[in-house]
Structure formats: C-alpha cells, structure tokens
Protein backbone atom coordinates (compact mmCIF):
# COMPACT_ATOMS: atom_id res chain seq x y z
CA MET A 1 29.81 -19.20 22.86
CA ASN A 2 29.21 -16.57 25.45
CA ASN A 3 25.67 -15.93 26.69
CA GLU A 4 26.09 -12.20 26.06
CA GLU A 5 26.64 -12.82 22.34
CA ILE A 6 23.34 -14.63 21.91
CA LYS A 7 20.35 -12.34 21.64
CA THR A 8 17.00 -13.80 22.46
CA TYR A 9 13.78 -12.78 20.79
CA GLU A 10 12.84 -10.55 23.70
CA GLU A 11 16.10 -8.59 23.52
CA ARG A 12 15.82 -7.72 19.83
CA PRO A 13 14.43 -4.29 19.05
CA GLN A 14 10.77 -4.50 18.14
CA ARG A 15 9.99 -3.06 14.74
CA ASN A 16 6.70 -1.34 14.16
CA LYS A 17 5.11 -3.00 11.13
CA TRP A 18 2.90 0.05 10.57
CA ASN A 19 6.01 2.05 9.67
CA LEU A 20 6.77 -0.48 6.94
CA ILE A 21 3.19 -0.62 5.63
CA LEU A 22 2.62 3.13 5.70
CA GLY A 23 6.06 3.84 4.23
CA ILE A 24 5.35 1.63 1.23
CA LEU A 25 1.86 3.10 0.82
CA PHE A 26 3.06 6.72 1.05
CA ILE A 27 5.84 6.13 -1.47
CA GLY A 28 3.45 4.36 -3.84
CA TYR A 29 0.70 6.97 -3.57
CA GLY A 30 3.12 9.89 -3.77
CA SER A 31 4.82 8.43 -6.83
CA PHE A 32 1.47 7.84 -8.51
CA ARG A 33 0.29 11.40 -7.82
CA LEU A 34 3.62 12.87 -8.90
CA TYR A 35 3.43 10.93 -12.17
CA GLN A 36 -0.11 12.17 -12.75
CA LYS A 37 0.81 15.78 -11.99
CA LEU A 38 3.85 15.73 -14.26
CA GLN A 39 1.82 14.36 -17.19
CA LEU A 40 -0.53 17.36 -17.20
CA PRO A 41 0.52 20.34 -19.31
CA ASP A 42 -0.63 22.86 -16.68
CA SER A 43 0.02 21.22 -13.32
CA ASP A 44 -0.19 23.10 -10.05
CA ASN A 45 2.88 23.47 -7.88
CA PHE A 46 1.03 22.67 -4.66
CA GLY A 47 0.08 19.20 -5.94
CA ILE A 48 3.67 18.49 -6.92
CA PHE A 49 4.99 19.60 -3.53
CA LEU A 50 2.33 17.53 -1.78
CA ALA A 51 3.25 14.42 -3.80
CA VAL A 52 6.95 14.92 -3.04
CA GLY A 53 6.01 15.34 0.64
CA PHE A 54 4.22 11.98 0.59
CA ILE A 55 7.28 10.34 -0.94
CA LEU A 56 9.63 11.90 1.62
CA PHE A 57 7.37 10.90 4.50
CA GLY A 58 7.28 7.34 3.15
CA ILE A 59 11.07 7.26 2.99
CA TYR A 60 11.18 8.53 6.58
CA ASP A 61 8.77 5.79 7.71
CA LEU A 62 10.88 3.12 6.02
CA TRP A 63 14.02 4.58 7.61
CA LYS A 64 12.34 4.38 11.05
CA TYR A 65 11.37 0.77 10.39
CA PHE A 66 14.81 -0.40 9.29
CA LYS A 67 16.58 1.65 11.94
CA GLY A 68 14.86 -0.55 14.49
C-alpha cells in the first residue's frame, strides 16, 4: 500500500460536533413548534415561518457537519 493512500487521524477533516448537536436540536425544536402551530385553528403565519426557519437552519447545520 502506498503511504499517500493511508490517511492519518491528523489529515482527516475535523468535524465540528456543535454543528451536529445544534442541527439536531434546531430540527427537533422547529418540528415541535411547527406541530404545535398547525394544531391551532387560528395560527399565526410568523410562527409557522419561524418554525420552518429553525428546521431549515438545522438541516444546514447537519449538512455542514457531514460535508466535513
């Protein structure tokens, strides 16, 4: 095997664990708030957009984490 094919621990891209943690939390909180807002008969549009924003930001954080 060639030495260039073997990647050591130092050469691997470091992943920020906060992106993973915050991504999961944002998706969970946004989903919970979206569920609550959609169960009300007279829900406000701002709350729905804010909940969707939390979900999208969580997806973006997870994408940053898995991208490396």
